[in-house]
Amino acid sequence: MLSTAHRLTDSSSFQQVVRGGRKAGSRTLVVHLAESAEPARVGPLVGFVVSRAVGSAVVRNRVKRRLRHLAREHLASLPGSAVLVVRALPAAATASYAELEGDLLRCLVRAGVTV
């Protein structure tokens, strides 16, 4: 599980990253990546957006759990000042774990992260 120190929870930070960050998309995900100006942080921050369009509460929670686990696995590849927002698209509801991982890695590379 992704530790709370690395979670993005502030709505204004979500807006800043989505509006000002680099964007890369795939069939199941859209990734927004920005560099933070805050120097006194533990490391990169990651936030998730999984709307009702993805599915019922059970499906949305499953997608969020998978994305949190994938983000934790690839947290070390992000720069220390990075702020990442991962937005799930409706196709994420039926995607397997391997498909989500492949799409996340592909989006991170497109956004400029060396994985």
PDB file of N, CA and C in Angstrom:
ATOM      1  N   MET A   1       0.846  -1.181   0.000  1.00  0.00           N
ATOM      2  CA  MET A   1       0.000   0.000   0.000  1.00  0.00           C
ATOM      3  C   MET A   1       0.888   1.239   0.000  1.00  0.00           C
ATOM      4  N   LEU A   2       0.429   2.265  -0.626  1.00  0.00           N
ATOM      5  CA  LEU A   2       1.137   3.539  -0.701  1.00  0.00           C
ATOM      6  C   LEU A   2       1.004   4.259   0.637  1.00  0.00           C
ATOM      7  N   SER A   3       2.131   4.661   1.230  1.00  0.00           N
ATOM      8  CA  SER A   3       2.088   5.306   2.539  1.00  0.00           C
ATOM      9  C   SER A   3       1.416   6.673   2.453  1.00  0.00           C
ATOM     10  N   THR A   4       0.874   7.116   3.578  1.00  0.00           N
ATOM     11  CA  THR A   4       0.155   8.387   3.596  1.00  0.00           C
ATOM     12  C   THR A   4       1.083   9.572   3.354  1.00  0.00           C
ATOM     13  N   ALA A   5       2.369   9.418   3.630  1.00  0.00           N
ATOM     14  CA  ALA A   5       3.320  10.503   3.387  1.00  0.00           C
ATOM     15  C   ALA A   5       3.470  10.803   1.898  1.00  0.00           C
ATOM     16  N   HIS A   6       3.151   9.833   1.051  1.00  0.00           N
ATOM     17  CA  HIS A   6       3.301   9.994  -0.397  1.00  0.00           C
ATOM     18  C   HIS A   6       1.969  10.224  -1.106  1.00  0.00           C
ATOM     19  N   ARG A   7       0.893  10.397  -0.368  1.00  0.00           N
ATOM     20  CA  ARG A   7      -0.412  10.595  -0.995  1.00  0.00           C
ATOM     21  C   ARG A   7      -0.743  12.065  -1.158  1.00  0.00           C
ATOM     22  N   LEU A   8      -1.272  12.375  -2.291  1.00  0.00           N
ATOM     23  CA  LEU A   8      -1.732  13.734  -2.595  1.00  0.00           C
ATOM     24  C   LEU A   8      -3.202  13.799  -2.220  1.00  0.00           C
ATOM     25  N   THR A   9      -3.561  14.686  -1.297  1.00  0.00           N
ATOM     26  CA  THR A   9      -4.948  14.754  -0.838  1.00  0.00           C
ATOM     27  C   THR A   9      -5.567  16.137  -0.981  1.00  0.00           C
ATOM     28  N   ASP A  10      -4.780  17.136  -1.250  1.00  0.00           N
ATOM     29  CA  ASP A  10      -5.245  18.515  -1.327  1.00  0.00           C
ATOM     30  C   ASP A  10      -5.847  18.801  -2.700  1.00  0.00           C
ATOM     31  N   SER A  11      -7.092  19.257  -2.745  1.00  0.00           N
ATOM     32  CA  SER A  11      -7.761  19.468  -4.035  1.00  0.00           C
ATOM     33  C   SER A  11      -7.099  20.564  -4.861  1.00  0.00           C
ATOM     34  N   SER A  12      -6.556  21.577  -4.217  1.00  0.00           N
ATOM     35  CA  SER A  12      -5.889  22.628  -4.987  1.00  0.00           C
ATOM     36  C   SER A  12      -4.611  22.093  -5.644  1.00  0.00           C
ATOM     37  N   SER A  13      -3.925  21.174  -4.980  1.00  0.00           N
ATOM     38  CA  SER A  13      -2.743  20.551  -5.577  1.00  0.00           C
ATOM     39  C   SER A  13      -3.134  19.689  -6.776  1.00  0.00           C
ATOM     40  N   PHE A  14      -4.245  18.973  -6.662  1.00  0.00           N
ATOM     41  CA  PHE A  14      -4.749  18.192  -7.796  1.00  0.00           C
ATOM     42  C   PHE A  14      -4.972  19.113  -8.994  1.00  0.00           C
ATOM     43  N   GLN A  15      -5.636  20.243  -8.760  1.00  0.00           N
ATOM     44  CA  GLN A  15      -5.927  21.175  -9.848  1.00  0.00           C
ATOM     45  C   GLN A  15      -4.657  21.720 -10.474  1.00  0.00           C
ATOM     46  N   GLN A  16      -3.671  22.079  -9.660  1.00  0.00           N
ATOM     47  CA  GLN A  16      -2.415  22.623 -10.183  1.00  0.00           C
ATOM     48  C   GLN A  16      -1.712  21.605 -11.072  1.00  0.00           C
ATOM     49  N   VAL A  17      -1.676  20.355 -10.643  1.00  0.00           N
ATOM     50  CA  VAL A  17      -0.984  19.323 -11.417  1.00  0.00           C
ATOM     51  C   VAL A  17      -1.725  19.053 -12.717  1.00  0.00           C
ATOM     52  N   VAL A  18      -3.035  18.928 -12.647  1.00  0.00           N
ATOM     53  CA  VAL A  18      -3.823  18.620 -13.845  1.00  0.00           C
ATOM     54  C   VAL A  18      -3.747  19.763 -14.850  1.00  0.00           C
ATOM     55  N   ARG A  19      -3.759  20.988 -14.379  1.00  0.00           N
ATOM     56  CA  ARG A  19      -3.723  22.132 -15.290  1.00  0.00           C
ATOM     57  C   ARG A  19      -2.327  22.468 -15.784  1.00  0.00           C
ATOM     58  N   GLY A  20      -1.310  22.247 -14.953  1.00  0.00           N
ATOM     59  CA  GLY A  20       0.019  22.707 -15.329  1.00  0.00           C
ATOM     60  C   GLY A  20       1.042  21.622 -15.592  1.00  0.00           C
ATOM     61  N   GLY A  21       0.698  20.374 -15.367  1.00  0.00           N
ATOM     62  CA  GLY A  21       1.670  19.300 -15.522  1.00  0.00           C
ATOM     63  C   GLY A  21       1.694  18.706 -16.919  1.00  0.00           C
ATOM     64  N   ARG A  22       2.681  17.864 -17.142  1.00  0.00           N
ATOM     65  CA  ARG A  22       2.740  17.123 -18.408  1.00  0.00           C
ATOM     66  C   ARG A  22       1.701  16.022 -18.368  1.00  0.00           C
ATOM     67  N   LYS A  23       1.121  15.738 -19.520  1.00  0.00           N
ATOM     68  CA  LYS A  23      -0.001  14.807 -19.599  1.00  0.00           C
ATOM     69  C   LYS A  23       0.324  13.694 -20.582  1.00  0.00           C
ATOM     70  N   ALA A  24      -0.016  12.471 -20.200  1.00  0.00           N
ATOM     71  CA  ALA A  24       0.130  11.323 -21.095  1.00  0.00           C
ATOM     72  C   ALA A  24      -1.050  10.394 -20.858  1.00  0.00           C
ATOM     73  N   GLY A  25      -1.584   9.851 -21.920  1.00  0.00           N
ATOM     74  CA  GLY A  25      -2.770   9.011 -21.792  1.00  0.00           C
ATOM     75  C   GLY A  25      -2.629   7.670 -22.469  1.00  0.00           C
ATOM     76  N   SER A  26      -3.488   6.765 -22.058  1.00  0.00           N
ATOM     77  CA  SER A  26      -3.574   5.444 -22.667  1.00  0.00           C
ATOM     78  C   SER A  26      -5.045   5.039 -22.671  1.00  0.00           C
ATOM     79  N   ARG A  27      -5.305   3.785 -22.969  1.00  0.00           N
ATOM     80  CA  ARG A  27      -6.682   3.305 -23.038  1.00  0.00           C
ATOM     81  C   ARG A  27      -7.367   3.320 -21.671  1.00  0.00           C
ATOM     82  N   THR A  28      -6.606   3.069 -20.612  1.00  0.00           N
ATOM     83  CA  THR A  28      -7.205   2.936 -19.284  1.00  0.00           C
ATOM     84  C   THR A  28      -6.876   4.078 -18.319  1.00  0.00           C
ATOM     85  N   LEU A  29      -5.815   4.839 -18.602  1.00  0.00           N
ATOM     86  CA  LEU A  29      -5.339   5.846 -17.652  1.00  0.00           C
ATOM     87  C   LEU A  29      -4.942   7.142 -18.344  1.00  0.00           C
ATOM     88  N   VAL A  30      -4.979   8.212 -17.579  1.00  0.00           N
ATOM     89  CA  VAL A  30      -4.361   9.477 -17.964  1.00  0.00           C
ATOM     90  C   VAL A  30      -3.480   9.884 -16.796  1.00  0.00           C
ATOM     91  N   VAL A  31      -2.230  10.212 -17.087  1.00  0.00           N
ATOM     92  CA  VAL A  31      -1.261  10.575 -16.060  1.00  0.00           C
ATOM     93  C   VAL A  31      -0.889  12.042 -16.226  1.00  0.00           C
ATOM     94  N   HIS A  32      -0.915  12.771 -15.115  1.00  0.00           N
ATOM     95  CA  HIS A  32      -0.487  14.173 -15.083  1.00  0.00           C
ATOM     96  C   HIS A  32       0.709  14.244 -14.145  1.00  0.00           C
ATOM     97  N   LEU A  33       1.823  14.808 -14.615  1.00  0.00           N
ATOM     98  CA  LEU A  33       3.048  14.863 -13.823  1.00  0.00           C
ATOM     99  C   LEU A  33       3.557  16.294 -13.778  1.00  0.00           C
ATOM    100  N   ALA A  34       3.873  16.767 -12.565  1.00  0.00           N
ATOM    101  CA  ALA A  34       4.417  18.113 -12.389  1.00  0.00           C
ATOM    102  C   ALA A  34       5.515  18.061 -11.339  1.00  0.00           C
ATOM    103  N   GLU A  35       6.356  19.073 -11.368  1.00  0.00           N
ATOM    104  CA  GLU A  35       7.403  19.219 -10.352  1.00  0.00           C
ATOM    105  C   GLU A  35       6.890  20.183  -9.292  1.00  0.00           C
ATOM    106  N   SER A  36       7.102  19.839  -8.037  1.00  0.00           N
ATOM    107  CA  SER A  36       6.640  20.668  -6.932  1.00  0.00           C
ATOM    108  C   SER A  36       7.713  21.675  -6.543  1.00  0.00           C
ATOM    109  N   ALA A  37       7.276  22.814  -6.056  1.00  0.00           N
ATOM    110  CA  ALA A  37       8.210  23.843  -5.592  1.00  0.00           C
ATOM    111  C   ALA A  37       8.554  23.656  -4.120  1.00  0.00           C
ATOM    112  N   GLU A  38       7.846  22.760  -3.428  1.00  0.00           N
ATOM    113  CA  GLU A  38       8.089  22.523  -2.008  1.00  0.00           C
ATOM    114  C   GLU A  38       9.329  21.658  -1.812  1.00  0.00           C
ATOM    115  N   PRO A  39      10.386  22.193  -1.187  1.00  0.00           N
ATOM    116  CA  PRO A  39      11.598  21.392  -0.995  1.00  0.00           C
ATOM    117  C   PRO A  39      11.538  20.475   0.227  1.00  0.00           C
ATOM    118  N   ALA A  40      10.712  20.773   1.218  1.00  0.00           N
ATOM    119  CA  ALA A  40      10.700  20.026   2.475  1.00  0.00           C
ATOM    120  C   ALA A  40       9.646  18.929   2.460  1.00  0.00           C
ATOM    121  N   ARG A  41       9.826  17.971   1.559  1.00  0.00           N
ATOM    122  CA  ARG A  41       8.892  16.851   1.475  1.00  0.00           C
ATOM    123  C   ARG A  41       9.647  15.547   1.610  1.00  0.00           C
ATOM    124  N   VAL A  42       8.919  14.502   1.909  1.00  0.00           N
ATOM    125  CA  VAL A  42       9.494  13.167   2.045  1.00  0.00           C
ATOM    126  C   VAL A  42       9.930  12.619   0.700  1.00  0.00           C
ATOM    127  N   GLY A  43       9.190  12.905  -0.338  1.00  0.00           N
ATOM    128  CA  GLY A  43       9.478  12.393  -1.675  1.00  0.00           C
ATOM    129  C   GLY A  43       8.324  12.733  -2.589  1.00  0.00           C
ATOM    130  N   PRO A  44       8.166  11.971  -3.657  1.00  0.00           N
ATOM    131  CA  PRO A  44       7.088  12.262  -4.603  1.00  0.00           C
ATOM    132  C   PRO A  44       5.711  12.045  -3.982  1.00  0.00           C
ATOM    133  N   LEU A  45       4.747  12.786  -4.495  1.00  0.00           N
ATOM    134  CA  LEU A  45       3.354  12.638  -4.072  1.00  0.00           C
ATOM    135  C   LEU A  45       2.552  12.057  -5.223  1.00  0.00           C
ATOM    136  N   VAL A  46       1.588  11.194  -4.888  1.00  0.00           N
ATOM    137  CA  VAL A  46       0.751  10.557  -5.907  1.00  0.00           C
ATOM    138  C   VAL A  46      -0.708  10.679  -5.475  1.00  0.00           C
ATOM    139  N   GLY A  47      -1.554  11.102  -6.411  1.00  0.00           N
ATOM    140  CA  GLY A  47      -2.983  11.193  -6.173  1.00  0.00           C
ATOM    141  C   GLY A  47      -3.738  10.433  -7.249  1.00  0.00           C
ATOM    142  N   PHE A  48      -4.955  10.023  -6.912  1.00  0.00           N
ATOM    143  CA  PHE A  48      -5.754   9.209  -7.830  1.00  0.00           C
ATOM    144  C   PHE A  48      -7.134   9.815  -7.999  1.00  0.00           C
ATOM    145  N   VAL A  49      -7.637   9.746  -9.242  1.00  0.00           N
ATOM    146  CA  VAL A  49      -8.985  10.197  -9.554  1.00  0.00           C
ATOM    147  C   VAL A  49      -9.683   9.038 -10.239  1.00  0.00           C
ATOM    148  N   VAL A  50     -10.714   8.516  -9.575  1.00  0.00           N
ATOM    149  CA  VAL A  50     -11.495   7.415 -10.140  1.00  0.00           C
ATOM    150  C   VAL A  50     -12.959   7.826 -10.010  1.00  0.00           C
ATOM    151  N   SER A  51     -13.549   8.266 -11.117  1.00  0.00           N
ATOM    152  CA  SER A  51     -14.905   8.812 -11.082  1.00  0.00           C
ATOM    153  C   SER A  51     -15.960   7.708 -11.172  1.00  0.00           C
ATOM    154  N   ARG A  52     -17.202   8.117 -11.034  1.00  0.00           N
ATOM    155  CA  ARG A  52     -18.316   7.171 -11.125  1.00  0.00           C
ATOM    156  C   ARG A  52     -18.452   6.563 -12.516  1.00  0.00           C
ATOM    157  N   ALA A  53     -17.853   7.199 -13.497  1.00  0.00           N
ATOM    158  CA  ALA A  53     -17.913   6.667 -14.857  1.00  0.00           C
ATOM    159  C   ALA A  53     -17.179   5.330 -14.957  1.00  0.00           C
ATOM    160  N   VAL A  54     -16.269   5.074 -14.032  1.00  0.00           N
ATOM    161  CA  VAL A  54     -15.516   3.815 -14.045  1.00  0.00           C
ATOM    162  C   VAL A  54     -16.409   2.652 -13.656  1.00  0.00           C
ATOM    163  N   GLY A  55     -17.336   2.867 -12.737  1.00  0.00           N
ATOM    164  CA  GLY A  55     -18.237   1.792 -12.342  1.00  0.00           C
ATOM    165  C   GLY A  55     -18.799   2.011 -10.955  1.00  0.00           C
ATOM    166  N   SER A  56     -19.320   0.924 -10.394  1.00  0.00           N
ATOM    167  CA  SER A  56     -19.900   0.983  -9.054  1.00  0.00           C
ATOM    168  C   SER A  56     -18.807   1.202  -8.012  1.00  0.00           C
ATOM    169  N   ALA A  57     -19.199   1.388  -6.770  1.00  0.00           N
ATOM    170  CA  ALA A  57     -18.240   1.632  -5.696  1.00  0.00           C
ATOM    171  C   ALA A  57     -17.262   0.479  -5.549  1.00  0.00           C
ATOM    172  N   VAL A  58     -17.730  -0.726  -5.713  1.00  0.00           N
ATOM    173  CA  VAL A  58     -16.860  -1.897  -5.600  1.00  0.00           C
ATOM    174  C   VAL A  58     -15.792  -1.874  -6.691  1.00  0.00           C
ATOM    175  N   VAL A  59     -16.194  -1.574  -7.898  1.00  0.00           N
ATOM    176  CA  VAL A  59     -15.263  -1.531  -9.030  1.00  0.00           C
ATOM    177  C   VAL A  59     -14.277  -0.381  -8.859  1.00  0.00           C
ATOM    178  N   ARG A  60     -14.770   0.795  -8.472  1.00  0.00           N
ATOM    179  CA  ARG A  60     -13.891   1.951  -8.277  1.00  0.00           C
ATOM    180  C   ARG A  60     -12.852   1.674  -7.202  1.00  0.00           C
ATOM    181  N   ASN A  61     -13.267   1.065  -6.106  1.00  0.00           N
ATOM    182  CA  ASN A  61     -12.320   0.763  -5.036  1.00  0.00           C
ATOM    183  C   ASN A  61     -11.282  -0.261  -5.472  1.00  0.00           C
ATOM    184  N   ARG A  62     -11.682  -1.237  -6.271  1.00  0.00           N
ATOM    185  CA  ARG A  62     -10.722  -2.219  -6.786  1.00  0.00           C
ATOM    186  C   ARG A  62      -9.692  -1.540  -7.685  1.00  0.00           C
ATOM    187  N   VAL A  63     -10.153  -0.653  -8.548  1.00  0.00           N
ATOM    188  CA  VAL A  63      -9.240   0.078  -9.435  1.00  0.00           C
ATOM    189  C   VAL A  63      -8.286   0.939  -8.609  1.00  0.00           C
ATOM    190  N   LYS A  64      -8.798   1.621  -7.590  1.00  0.00           N
ATOM    191  CA  LYS A  64      -7.942   2.450  -6.735  1.00  0.00           C
ATOM    192  C   LYS A  64      -6.895   1.614  -6.005  1.00  0.00           C
ATOM    193  N   ARG A  65      -7.296   0.462  -5.479  1.00  0.00           N
ATOM    194  CA  ARG A  65      -6.332  -0.406  -4.788  1.00  0.00           C
ATOM    195  C   ARG A  65      -5.233  -0.847  -5.731  1.00  0.00           C
ATOM    196  N   ARG A  66      -5.602  -1.240  -6.935  1.00  0.00           N
ATOM    197  CA  ARG A  66      -4.595  -1.669  -7.916  1.00  0.00           C
ATOM    198  C   ARG A  66      -3.648  -0.518  -8.267  1.00  0.00           C
ATOM    199  N   LEU A  67      -4.193   0.659  -8.481  1.00  0.00           N
ATOM    200  CA  LEU A  67      -3.369   1.806  -8.842  1.00  0.00           C
ATOM    201  C   LEU A  67      -2.446   2.213  -7.701  1.00  0.00           C
ATOM    202  N   ARG A  68      -2.945   2.167  -6.460  1.00  0.00           N
ATOM    203  CA  ARG A  68      -2.087   2.492  -5.319  1.00  0.00           C
ATOM    204  C   ARG A  68      -0.921   1.512  -5.212  1.00  0.00           C
ATOM    205  N   HIS A  69      -1.193   0.245  -5.424  1.00  0.00           N
ATOM    206  CA  HIS A  69      -0.134  -0.763  -5.360  1.00  0.00           C
ATOM    207  C   HIS A  69       0.881  -0.554  -6.474  1.00  0.00           C
ATOM    208  N   LEU A  70       0.414  -0.273  -7.677  1.00  0.00           N
ATOM    209  CA  LEU A  70       1.320  -0.019  -8.797  1.00  0.00           C
ATOM    210  C   LEU A  70       2.156   1.234  -8.564  1.00  0.00           C
ATOM    211  N   ALA A  71       1.534   2.269  -8.018  1.00  0.00           N
ATOM    212  CA  ALA A  71       2.269   3.507  -7.752  1.00  0.00           C
ATOM    213  C   ALA A  71       3.347   3.270  -6.706  1.00  0.00           C
ATOM    214  N   ARG A  72       3.057   2.467  -5.709  1.00  0.00           N
ATOM    215  CA  ARG A  72       4.064   2.174  -4.688  1.00  0.00           C
ATOM    216  C   ARG A  72       5.254   1.435  -5.286  1.00  0.00           C
ATOM    217  N   GLU A  73       4.993   0.512  -6.197  1.00  0.00           N
ATOM    218  CA  GLU A  73       6.072  -0.248  -6.835  1.00  0.00           C
ATOM    219  C   GLU A  73       6.985   0.646  -7.663  1.00  0.00           C
ATOM    220  N   HIS A  74       6.449   1.696  -8.261  1.00  0.00           N
ATOM    221  CA  HIS A  74       7.216   2.546  -9.172  1.00  0.00           C
ATOM    222  C   HIS A  74       7.514   3.918  -8.582  1.00  0.00           C
ATOM    223  N   LEU A  75       7.351   4.086  -7.285  1.00  0.00           N
ATOM    224  CA  LEU A  75       7.594   5.363  -6.624  1.00  0.00           C
ATOM    225  C   LEU A  75       9.058   5.773  -6.711  1.00  0.00           C
ATOM    226  N   ALA A  76       9.960   4.820  -6.647  1.00  0.00           N
ATOM    227  CA  ALA A  76      11.397   5.125  -6.666  1.00  0.00           C
ATOM    228  C   ALA A  76      11.842   5.705  -8.002  1.00  0.00           C
ATOM    229  N   SER A  77      11.120   5.431  -9.077  1.00  0.00           N
ATOM    230  CA  SER A  77      11.519   5.946 -10.381  1.00  0.00           C
ATOM    231  C   SER A  77      11.106   7.408 -10.586  1.00  0.00           C
ATOM    232  N   LEU A  78      10.252   7.940  -9.705  1.00  0.00           N
ATOM    233  CA  LEU A  78       9.818   9.329  -9.817  1.00  0.00           C
ATOM    234  C   LEU A  78      10.848  10.253  -9.178  1.00  0.00           C
ATOM    235  N   PRO A  79      11.039  11.446  -9.726  1.00  0.00           N
ATOM    236  CA  PRO A  79      11.926  12.425  -9.078  1.00  0.00           C
ATOM    237  C   PRO A  79      11.370  12.800  -7.705  1.00  0.00           C
ATOM    238  N   GLY A  80      12.240  13.210  -6.797  1.00  0.00           N
ATOM    239  CA  GLY A  80      11.835  13.521  -5.435  1.00  0.00           C
ATOM    240  C   GLY A  80      10.830  14.639  -5.303  1.00  0.00           C
ATOM    241  N   SER A  81      10.812  15.572  -6.249  1.00  0.00           N
ATOM    242  CA  SER A  81       9.880  16.695  -6.175  1.00  0.00           C
ATOM    243  C   SER A  81       8.660  16.492  -7.078  1.00  0.00           C
ATOM    244  N   ALA A  82       8.453  15.287  -7.562  1.00  0.00           N
ATOM    245  CA  ALA A  82       7.362  15.020  -8.498  1.00  0.00           C
ATOM    246  C   ALA A  82       6.019  14.947  -7.779  1.00  0.00           C
ATOM    247  N   VAL A  83       4.997  15.417  -8.473  1.00  0.00           N
ATOM    248  CA  VAL A  83       3.618  15.261  -8.036  1.00  0.00           C
ATOM    249  C   VAL A  83       2.888  14.604  -9.206  1.00  0.00           C
ATOM    250  N   LEU A  84       2.324  13.436  -8.944  1.00  0.00           N
ATOM    251  CA  LEU A  84       1.703  12.625  -9.987  1.00  0.00           C
ATOM    252  C   LEU A  84       0.224  12.450  -9.693  1.00  0.00           C
ATOM    253  N   VAL A  85      -0.610  12.684 -10.692  1.00  0.00           N
ATOM    254  CA  VAL A  85      -2.038  12.417 -10.587  1.00  0.00           C
ATOM    255  C   VAL A  85      -2.378  11.376 -11.642  1.00  0.00           C
ATOM    256  N   VAL A  86      -2.974  10.270 -11.200  1.00  0.00           N
ATOM    257  CA  VAL A  86      -3.370   9.190 -12.091  1.00  0.00           C
ATOM    258  C   VAL A  86      -4.894   9.192 -12.147  1.00  0.00           C
ATOM    259  N   ARG A  87      -5.426   9.412 -13.356  1.00  0.00           N
ATOM    260  CA  ARG A  87      -6.877   9.435 -13.545  1.00  0.00           C
ATOM    261  C   ARG A  87      -7.293   8.175 -14.306  1.00  0.00           C
ATOM    262  N   ALA A  88      -8.177   7.406 -13.706  1.00  0.00           N
ATOM    263  CA  ALA A  88      -8.645   6.171 -14.326  1.00  0.00           C
ATOM    264  C   ALA A  88      -9.776   6.478 -15.304  1.00  0.00           C
ATOM    265  N   LEU A  89      -9.723   5.855 -16.450  1.00  0.00           N
ATOM    266  CA  LEU A  89     -10.782   5.973 -17.449  1.00  0.00           C
ATOM    267  C   LEU A  89     -11.724   4.773 -17.309  1.00  0.00           C
ATOM    268  N   PRO A  90     -12.925   4.823 -17.884  1.00  0.00           N
ATOM    269  CA  PRO A  90     -13.873   3.716 -17.735  1.00  0.00           C
ATOM    270  C   PRO A  90     -13.317   2.346 -18.149  1.00  0.00           C
ATOM    271  N   ALA A  91     -12.385   2.304 -19.076  1.00  0.00           N
ATOM    272  CA  ALA A  91     -11.811   1.028 -19.501  1.00  0.00           C
ATOM    273  C   ALA A  91     -10.981   0.373 -18.400  1.00  0.00           C
ATOM    274  N   ALA A  92     -10.591   1.123 -17.382  1.00  0.00           N
ATOM    275  CA  ALA A  92      -9.811   0.564 -16.271  1.00  0.00           C
ATOM    276  C   ALA A  92     -10.627  -0.438 -15.470  1.00  0.00           C
ATOM    277  N   ALA A  93     -11.945  -0.348 -15.528  1.00  0.00           N
ATOM    278  CA  ALA A  93     -12.807  -1.251 -14.771  1.00  0.00           C
ATOM    279  C   ALA A  93     -12.655  -2.695 -15.222  1.00  0.00           C
ATOM    280  N   THR A  94     -12.426  -2.899 -16.506  1.00  0.00           N
ATOM    281  CA  THR A  94     -12.329  -4.258 -17.033  1.00  0.00           C
ATOM    282  C   THR A  94     -10.891  -4.681 -17.319  1.00  0.00           C
ATOM    283  N   ALA A  95      -9.947  -3.793 -17.085  1.00  0.00           N
ATOM    284  CA  ALA A  95      -8.546  -4.094 -17.370  1.00  0.00           C
ATOM    285  C   ALA A  95      -7.954  -4.982 -16.280  1.00  0.00           C
ATOM    286  N   SER A  96      -7.055  -5.852 -16.682  1.00  0.00           N
ATOM    287  CA  SER A  96      -6.359  -6.693 -15.708  1.00  0.00           C
ATOM    288  C   SER A  96      -5.257  -5.885 -15.033  1.00  0.00           C
ATOM    289  N   TYR A  97      -4.700  -6.457 -13.983  1.00  0.00           N
ATOM    290  CA  TYR A  97      -3.608  -5.804 -13.258  1.00  0.00           C
ATOM    291  C   TYR A  97      -2.424  -5.568 -14.192  1.00  0.00           C
ATOM    292  N   ALA A  98      -2.110  -6.548 -15.021  1.00  0.00           N
ATOM    293  CA  ALA A  98      -0.981  -6.428 -15.948  1.00  0.00           C
ATOM    294  C   ALA A  98      -1.221  -5.324 -16.977  1.00  0.00           C
ATOM    295  N   GLU A  99      -2.456  -5.200 -17.461  1.00  0.00           N
ATOM    296  CA  GLU A  99      -2.776  -4.139 -18.413  1.00  0.00           C
ATOM    297  C   GLU A  99      -2.642  -2.764 -17.763  1.00  0.00           C
ATOM    298  N   LEU A 100      -3.120  -2.633 -16.517  1.00  0.00           N
ATOM    299  CA  LEU A 100      -2.979  -1.358 -15.815  1.00  0.00           C
ATOM    300  C   LEU A 100      -1.510  -1.018 -15.598  1.00  0.00           C
ATOM    301  N   GLU A 101      -0.713  -2.013 -15.247  1.00  0.00           N
ATOM    302  CA  GLU A 101       0.713  -1.773 -15.034  1.00  0.00           C
ATOM    303  C   GLU A 101       1.394  -1.338 -16.330  1.00  0.00           C
ATOM    304  N   GLY A 102       1.086  -2.014 -17.422  1.00  0.00           N
ATOM    305  CA  GLY A 102       1.668  -1.647 -18.708  1.00  0.00           C
ATOM    306  C   GLY A 102       1.284  -0.237 -19.125  1.00  0.00           C
ATOM    307  N   ASP A 103       0.013   0.109 -18.948  1.00  0.00           N
ATOM    308  CA  ASP A 103      -0.444   1.450 -19.305  1.00  0.00           C
ATOM    309  C   ASP A 103       0.188   2.515 -18.415  1.00  0.00           C
ATOM    310  N   LEU A 104       0.323   2.224 -17.110  1.00  0.00           N
ATOM    311  CA  LEU A 104       0.950   3.184 -16.211  1.00  0.00           C
ATOM    312  C   LEU A 104       2.406   3.418 -16.586  1.00  0.00           C
ATOM    313  N   LEU A 105       3.140   2.360 -16.855  1.00  0.00           N
ATOM    314  CA  LEU A 105       4.546   2.496 -17.240  1.00  0.00           C
ATOM    315  C   LEU A 105       4.692   3.264 -18.551  1.00  0.00           C
ATOM    316  N   ARG A 106       3.845   2.942 -19.516  1.00  0.00           N
ATOM    317  CA  ARG A 106       3.887   3.622 -20.812  1.00  0.00           C
ATOM    318  C   ARG A 106       3.584   5.120 -20.643  1.00  0.00           C
ATOM    319  N   CYS A 107       2.615   5.444 -19.808  1.00  0.00           N
ATOM    320  CA  CYS A 107       2.271   6.848 -19.572  1.00  0.00           C
ATOM    321  C   CYS A 107       3.383   7.582 -18.833  1.00  0.00           C
ATOM    322  N   LEU A 108       4.011   6.923 -17.871  1.00  0.00           N
ATOM    323  CA  LEU A 108       5.113   7.558 -17.145  1.00  0.00           C
ATOM    324  C   LEU A 108       6.283   7.867 -18.076  1.00  0.00           C
ATOM    325  N   VAL A 109       6.582   6.941 -18.978  1.00  0.00           N
ATOM    326  CA  VAL A 109       7.667   7.166 -19.937  1.00  0.00           C
ATOM    327  C   VAL A 109       7.308   8.331 -20.856  1.00  0.00           C
ATOM    328  N   ARG A 110       6.076   8.385 -21.328  1.00  0.00           N
ATOM    329  CA  ARG A 110       5.641   9.490 -22.194  1.00  0.00           C
ATOM    330  C   ARG A 110       5.690  10.836 -21.474  1.00  0.00           C
ATOM    331  N   ALA A 111       5.448  10.797 -20.155  1.00  0.00           N
ATOM    332  CA  ALA A 111       5.468  12.040 -19.377  1.00  0.00           C
ATOM    333  C   ALA A 111       6.886  12.476 -19.013  1.00  0.00           C
ATOM    334  N   GLY A 112       7.866  11.637 -19.307  1.00  0.00           N
ATOM    335  CA  GLY A 112       9.253  12.038 -19.090  1.00  0.00           C
ATOM    336  C   GLY A 112       9.959  11.376 -17.936  1.00  0.00           C
ATOM    337  N   VAL A 113       9.386  10.332 -17.363  1.00  0.00           N
ATOM    338  CA  VAL A 113      10.012   9.618 -16.250  1.00  0.00           C
ATOM    339  C   VAL A 113      10.774   8.423 -16.807  1.00  0.00           C
ATOM    340  N   THR A 114      12.007   8.239 -16.340  1.00  0.00           N
ATOM    341  CA  THR A 114      12.773   7.050 -16.740  1.00  0.00           C
ATOM    342  C   THR A 114      12.432   5.926 -15.792  1.00  0.00           C
ATOM    343  N   VAL A 115      11.825   4.889 -16.332  1.00  0.00           N
ATOM    344  CA  VAL A 115      11.370   3.766 -15.516  1.00  0.00           C
ATOM    345  C   VAL A 115      12.374   2.643 -15.578  1.00  0.00           C
TER     346      VAL A 115
END
